[in-house]
């Protein structure tokens, strides 16, 4: 499994446009082959920051996603916005399971 965690900071004036564009890619992305999870969330402390969480079956599935028309359209939209900072981290996960919180 491949996991992506990304933090995107856009100019405050562009936050609403970024969110509106991002909302359009969620449903088609979730329907793609190999997509286990795809979520975007606005940071509750910094409203111009968006967190992106993704889980893919494989790198091939992720790369196919990046070539879809809806992502091309989103990237075109965001090219006209001011992205202050973007940090994306890739994780290759060998095993996953529920988090068990210790009981004292």
N, C-alpha and C. Protein backbone atom coordinates (compact mmCIF):
# COMPACT_ATOMS: atom_id res chain seq x y z
N UNK A 1 0.84 -1.17 0.00
CA UNK A 1 0.00 0.00 0.00
C UNK A 1 0.89 1.24 0.00
N UNK A 2 0.45 2.22 -0.73
CA UNK A 2 1.15 3.50 -0.84
C UNK A 2 0.27 4.57 -0.18
N UNK A 3 0.85 5.34 0.73
CA UNK A 3 0.13 6.40 1.43
C UNK A 3 0.80 7.73 1.14
N UNK A 4 -0.01 8.73 0.85
CA UNK A 4 0.48 10.09 0.61
C UNK A 4 -0.17 11.00 1.65
N UNK A 5 0.64 11.82 2.28
CA UNK A 5 0.14 12.86 3.19
C UNK A 5 0.73 14.17 2.71
N UNK A 6 -0.15 15.11 2.39
CA UNK A 6 0.33 16.39 1.86
C UNK A 6 -0.31 17.56 2.60
N UNK A 7 0.48 18.60 2.78
CA UNK A 7 0.02 19.86 3.36
C UNK A 7 0.20 20.93 2.29
N UNK A 8 -0.90 21.60 1.94
CA UNK A 8 -0.86 22.64 0.92
C UNK A 8 -1.34 23.95 1.55
N UNK A 9 -0.48 24.96 1.47
CA UNK A 9 -0.84 26.29 1.98
C UNK A 9 -1.00 27.22 0.78
N UNK A 10 -2.19 27.77 0.65
CA UNK A 10 -2.45 28.71 -0.43
C UNK A 10 -2.62 30.11 0.15
N UNK A 11 -2.49 31.11 -0.70
CA UNK A 11 -2.72 32.49 -0.25
C UNK A 11 -4.14 32.58 0.30
N UNK A 12 -4.33 33.30 1.40
CA UNK A 12 -5.68 33.42 1.98
C UNK A 12 -6.74 33.83 0.96
N UNK A 13 -6.40 34.69 0.04
CA UNK A 13 -7.36 35.14 -0.97
C UNK A 13 -7.75 34.02 -1.94
N UNK A 14 -6.93 32.97 -2.05
CA UNK A 14 -7.18 31.87 -2.98
C UNK A 14 -7.75 30.62 -2.32
N UNK A 15 -7.92 30.64 -1.01
CA UNK A 15 -8.35 29.44 -0.29
C UNK A 15 -9.70 28.91 -0.78
N UNK A 16 -10.67 29.78 -0.96
CA UNK A 16 -12.01 29.33 -1.39
C UNK A 16 -11.97 28.72 -2.78
N UNK A 17 -11.20 29.31 -3.68
CA UNK A 17 -11.09 28.78 -5.05
C UNK A 17 -10.40 27.41 -5.03
N UNK A 18 -9.39 27.25 -4.19
CA UNK A 18 -8.69 25.96 -4.09
C UNK A 18 -9.65 24.89 -3.57
N UNK A 19 -10.39 25.22 -2.50
CA UNK A 19 -11.34 24.26 -1.92
C UNK A 19 -12.41 23.88 -2.94
N UNK A 20 -12.94 24.86 -3.65
CA UNK A 20 -13.98 24.58 -4.65
C UNK A 20 -13.44 23.66 -5.74
N UNK A 21 -12.23 23.90 -6.19
CA UNK A 21 -11.63 23.03 -7.20
C UNK A 21 -11.35 21.64 -6.66
N UNK A 22 -10.89 21.56 -5.43
CA UNK A 22 -10.57 20.27 -4.81
C UNK A 22 -11.83 19.43 -4.62
N UNK A 23 -12.94 20.06 -4.31
CA UNK A 23 -14.18 19.31 -4.12
C UNK A 23 -14.59 18.56 -5.38
N UNK A 24 -14.24 19.09 -6.54
CA UNK A 24 -14.61 18.47 -7.81
C UNK A 24 -13.82 17.20 -8.12
N UNK A 25 -12.66 17.02 -7.49
CA UNK A 25 -11.84 15.85 -7.82
C UNK A 25 -12.01 14.69 -6.85
N UNK A 26 -12.70 14.92 -5.74
CA UNK A 26 -12.81 13.85 -4.73
C UNK A 26 -13.58 12.65 -5.25
N UNK A 27 -14.79 12.85 -5.72
CA UNK A 27 -15.62 11.73 -6.17
C UNK A 27 -14.99 10.94 -7.32
N UNK A 28 -14.53 11.60 -8.39
CA UNK A 28 -13.92 10.79 -9.46
C UNK A 28 -12.64 10.10 -9.03
N UNK A 29 -11.90 10.70 -8.13
CA UNK A 29 -10.67 10.05 -7.65
C UNK A 29 -11.01 8.82 -6.83
N UNK A 30 -12.00 8.92 -5.97
CA UNK A 30 -12.39 7.76 -5.15
C UNK A 30 -12.88 6.59 -6.00
N UNK A 31 -13.36 6.88 -7.20
CA UNK A 31 -13.84 5.82 -8.10
C UNK A 31 -12.73 5.18 -8.92
N UNK A 32 -11.53 5.71 -8.84
CA UNK A 32 -10.42 5.18 -9.64
C UNK A 32 -9.94 3.83 -9.13
N UNK A 33 -9.41 3.05 -10.07
CA UNK A 33 -8.82 1.76 -9.72
C UNK A 33 -7.68 1.97 -8.74
N UNK A 34 -7.66 1.19 -7.67
CA UNK A 34 -6.56 1.22 -6.72
C UNK A 34 -6.68 2.27 -5.63
N UNK A 35 -7.69 3.13 -5.70
CA UNK A 35 -7.85 4.15 -4.66
C UNK A 35 -8.55 3.54 -3.45
N UNK A 36 -7.85 3.48 -2.34
CA UNK A 36 -8.43 2.98 -1.09
C UNK A 36 -9.01 4.11 -0.25
N UNK A 37 -8.39 5.28 -0.34
CA UNK A 37 -8.83 6.43 0.44
C UNK A 37 -8.35 7.69 -0.24
N UNK A 38 -9.21 8.68 -0.29
CA UNK A 38 -8.82 9.98 -0.83
C UNK A 38 -9.62 11.03 -0.08
N UNK A 39 -8.94 11.84 0.70
CA UNK A 39 -9.63 12.85 1.48
C UNK A 39 -8.88 14.16 1.52
N UNK A 40 -9.64 15.23 1.54
CA UNK A 40 -9.08 16.57 1.68
C UNK A 40 -9.78 17.24 2.85
N UNK A 41 -9.02 17.96 3.65
CA UNK A 41 -9.59 18.62 4.81
C UNK A 41 -8.93 19.97 5.01
N UNK A 42 -9.74 20.93 5.34
CA UNK A 42 -9.23 22.27 5.65
C UNK A 42 -8.74 22.26 7.10
N UNK A 43 -7.58 22.83 7.34
CA UNK A 43 -7.02 22.90 8.68
C UNK A 43 -7.89 23.82 9.55
N UNK A 44 -8.26 23.38 10.74
CA UNK A 44 -9.15 24.19 11.59
C UNK A 44 -8.44 25.36 12.25
N UNK A 45 -7.12 25.35 12.26
CA UNK A 45 -6.36 26.47 12.82
C UNK A 45 -5.87 27.44 11.76
N UNK A 46 -5.67 26.93 10.55
CA UNK A 46 -5.18 27.75 9.44
C UNK A 46 -6.09 27.53 8.23
N UNK A 47 -7.12 28.36 8.05
CA UNK A 47 -8.12 28.11 7.01
C UNK A 47 -7.60 28.16 5.58
N UNK A 48 -6.38 28.61 5.37
CA UNK A 48 -5.82 28.59 4.03
C UNK A 48 -4.87 27.39 3.82
N UNK A 49 -4.93 26.43 4.74
CA UNK A 49 -4.14 25.20 4.64
C UNK A 49 -5.08 24.02 4.42
N UNK A 50 -4.72 23.18 3.44
CA UNK A 50 -5.49 21.98 3.13
C UNK A 50 -4.59 20.77 3.32
N UNK A 51 -5.13 19.75 3.96
CA UNK A 51 -4.43 18.47 4.14
C UNK A 51 -5.03 17.46 3.18
N UNK A 52 -4.17 16.73 2.49
CA UNK A 52 -4.61 15.71 1.54
C UNK A 52 -4.09 14.36 2.05
N UNK A 53 -5.01 13.40 2.18
CA UNK A 53 -4.66 12.05 2.60
C UNK A 53 -5.08 11.08 1.51
N UNK A 54 -4.14 10.23 1.09
CA UNK A 54 -4.40 9.28 0.01
C UNK A 54 -3.85 7.91 0.37
N UNK A 55 -4.55 6.86 -0.05
CA UNK A 55 -4.05 5.49 0.03
C UNK A 55 -4.32 4.83 -1.32
N UNK A 56 -3.27 4.21 -1.87
CA UNK A 56 -3.35 3.56 -3.18
C UNK A 56 -2.84 2.14 -3.08
N UNK A 57 -3.40 1.26 -3.91
CA UNK A 57 -2.92 -0.12 -3.95
C UNK A 57 -1.48 -0.18 -4.42
N UNK A 58 -1.13 0.71 -5.37
CA UNK A 58 0.22 0.63 -5.96
C UNK A 58 0.66 1.99 -6.50
N UNK A 59 1.94 2.08 -6.77
CA UNK A 59 2.50 3.27 -7.41
C UNK A 59 1.90 3.47 -8.80
N UNK A 60 1.67 2.37 -9.51
CA UNK A 60 1.08 2.46 -10.85
C UNK A 60 -0.31 3.10 -10.78
N UNK A 61 -1.09 2.74 -9.77
CA UNK A 61 -2.42 3.33 -9.60
C UNK A 61 -2.32 4.83 -9.31
N UNK A 62 -1.37 5.21 -8.46
CA UNK A 62 -1.17 6.63 -8.15
C UNK A 62 -0.77 7.40 -9.41
N UNK A 63 0.18 6.86 -10.16
CA UNK A 63 0.63 7.55 -11.37
C UNK A 63 -0.48 7.65 -12.42
N UNK A 64 -1.32 6.62 -12.52
CA UNK A 64 -2.46 6.68 -13.44
C UNK A 64 -3.42 7.79 -13.00
N UNK A 65 -3.62 7.91 -11.69
CA UNK A 65 -4.47 8.98 -11.13
C UNK A 65 -3.95 10.35 -11.55
N UNK A 66 -2.65 10.53 -11.48
CA UNK A 66 -2.06 11.83 -11.79
C UNK A 66 -2.21 12.21 -13.26
N UNK A 67 -2.56 11.24 -14.11
CA UNK A 67 -2.73 11.50 -15.55
C UNK A 67 -4.20 11.64 -15.96
N UNK A 68 -5.12 11.60 -15.00
CA UNK A 68 -6.55 11.68 -15.34
C UNK A 68 -6.95 13.09 -15.74
N UNK A 69 -8.02 13.22 -16.52
CA UNK A 69 -8.49 14.55 -16.92
C UNK A 69 -8.90 15.43 -15.75
N UNK A 70 -9.51 14.84 -14.71
CA UNK A 70 -9.94 15.68 -13.59
C UNK A 70 -8.75 16.24 -12.81
N UNK A 71 -7.66 15.51 -12.75
CA UNK A 71 -6.47 16.04 -12.08
C UNK A 71 -5.80 17.09 -12.97
N UNK A 72 -5.77 16.88 -14.27
CA UNK A 72 -5.21 17.88 -15.19
C UNK A 72 -5.99 19.19 -15.07
N UNK A 73 -7.31 19.09 -14.98
CA UNK A 73 -8.15 20.29 -14.84
C UNK A 73 -7.87 20.99 -13.51
N UNK A 74 -7.73 20.20 -12.45
CA UNK A 74 -7.44 20.77 -11.13
C UNK A 74 -6.07 21.46 -11.12
N UNK A 75 -5.08 20.85 -11.72
CA UNK A 75 -3.74 21.44 -11.77
C UNK A 75 -3.74 22.72 -12.59
N UNK A 76 -4.55 22.76 -13.64
CA UNK A 76 -4.67 23.98 -14.43
C UNK A 76 -5.28 25.10 -13.57
N UNK A 77 -6.32 24.77 -12.83
CA UNK A 77 -6.94 25.74 -11.94
C UNK A 77 -5.94 26.25 -10.90
N UNK A 78 -5.24 25.33 -10.26
CA UNK A 78 -4.32 25.74 -9.19
C UNK A 78 -3.10 26.49 -9.71
N UNK A 79 -2.77 26.34 -10.98
CA UNK A 79 -1.64 27.09 -11.53
C UNK A 79 -1.91 28.59 -11.54
N UNK A 80 -3.19 28.96 -11.50
CA UNK A 80 -3.56 30.37 -11.47
C UNK A 80 -3.67 30.91 -10.04
N UNK A 81 -3.51 30.02 -9.04
CA UNK A 81 -3.59 30.42 -7.64
C UNK A 81 -2.20 30.53 -7.04
N UNK A 82 -2.11 31.22 -5.93
CA UNK A 82 -0.83 31.35 -5.25
C UNK A 82 -0.69 30.26 -4.19
N UNK A 83 0.16 29.28 -4.48
CA UNK A 83 0.48 28.23 -3.51
C UNK A 83 1.72 28.69 -2.77
N UNK A 84 1.57 28.94 -1.48
CA UNK A 84 2.68 29.44 -0.66
C UNK A 84 3.66 28.32 -0.33
N UNK A 85 3.11 27.14 -0.01
CA UNK A 85 3.96 26.02 0.38
C UNK A 85 3.22 24.72 0.12
N UNK A 86 3.96 23.70 -0.29
CA UNK A 86 3.39 22.36 -0.44
C UNK A 86 4.43 21.36 -0.01
N UNK A 87 4.01 20.46 0.86
CA UNK A 87 4.89 19.41 1.34
C UNK A 87 4.13 18.10 1.25
N UNK A 88 4.56 17.22 0.36
CA UNK A 88 3.92 15.92 0.20
C UNK A 88 4.92 14.83 0.58
N UNK A 89 4.45 13.89 1.37
CA UNK A 89 5.29 12.78 1.83
C UNK A 89 4.66 11.47 1.39
N UNK A 90 5.49 10.60 0.86
CA UNK A 90 5.06 9.27 0.40
C UNK A 90 5.52 8.24 1.44
N UNK A 91 4.62 7.33 1.74
CA UNK A 91 4.94 6.23 2.65
C UNK A 91 4.62 4.92 1.94
N UNK A 92 5.55 3.97 1.96
CA UNK A 92 5.30 2.62 1.48
C UNK A 92 4.98 1.79 2.73
N UNK A 93 3.78 1.25 2.79
CA UNK A 93 3.30 0.58 3.99
C UNK A 93 3.25 -0.92 3.75
N UNK A 94 3.92 -1.66 4.62
CA UNK A 94 3.95 -3.11 4.49
C UNK A 94 2.78 -3.77 5.23
N UNK A 95 2.31 -3.15 6.29
CA UNK A 95 1.20 -3.71 7.05
C UNK A 95 0.41 -2.57 7.68
N UNK A 96 -0.88 -2.79 7.85
CA UNK A 96 -1.73 -1.78 8.49
C UNK A 96 -2.80 -2.50 9.31
N UNK A 97 -3.22 -1.84 10.35
CA UNK A 97 -4.27 -2.41 11.20
C UNK A 97 -4.80 -1.34 12.13
N UNK A 98 -5.80 -1.69 12.91
CA UNK A 98 -6.40 -0.70 13.81
C UNK A 98 -5.44 -0.29 14.92
N UNK A 99 -5.59 0.95 15.33
CA UNK A 99 -4.80 1.47 16.44
C UNK A 99 -5.48 1.07 17.74
N UNK A 100 -4.74 0.41 18.60
CA UNK A 100 -5.26 0.01 19.90
C UNK A 100 -4.70 0.94 20.95
N UNK A 101 -5.56 1.69 21.60
CA UNK A 101 -5.12 2.63 22.63
C UNK A 101 -5.05 1.87 23.96
N UNK A 102 -3.87 1.91 24.59
CA UNK A 102 -3.72 1.18 25.85
C UNK A 102 -4.68 1.67 26.93
N UNK A 103 -5.24 0.75 27.66
CA UNK A 103 -6.12 1.06 28.79
C UNK A 103 -5.30 0.91 30.08
N UNK A 104 -5.32 1.95 30.89
CA UNK A 104 -4.59 1.86 32.18
C UNK A 104 -5.45 1.23 33.24
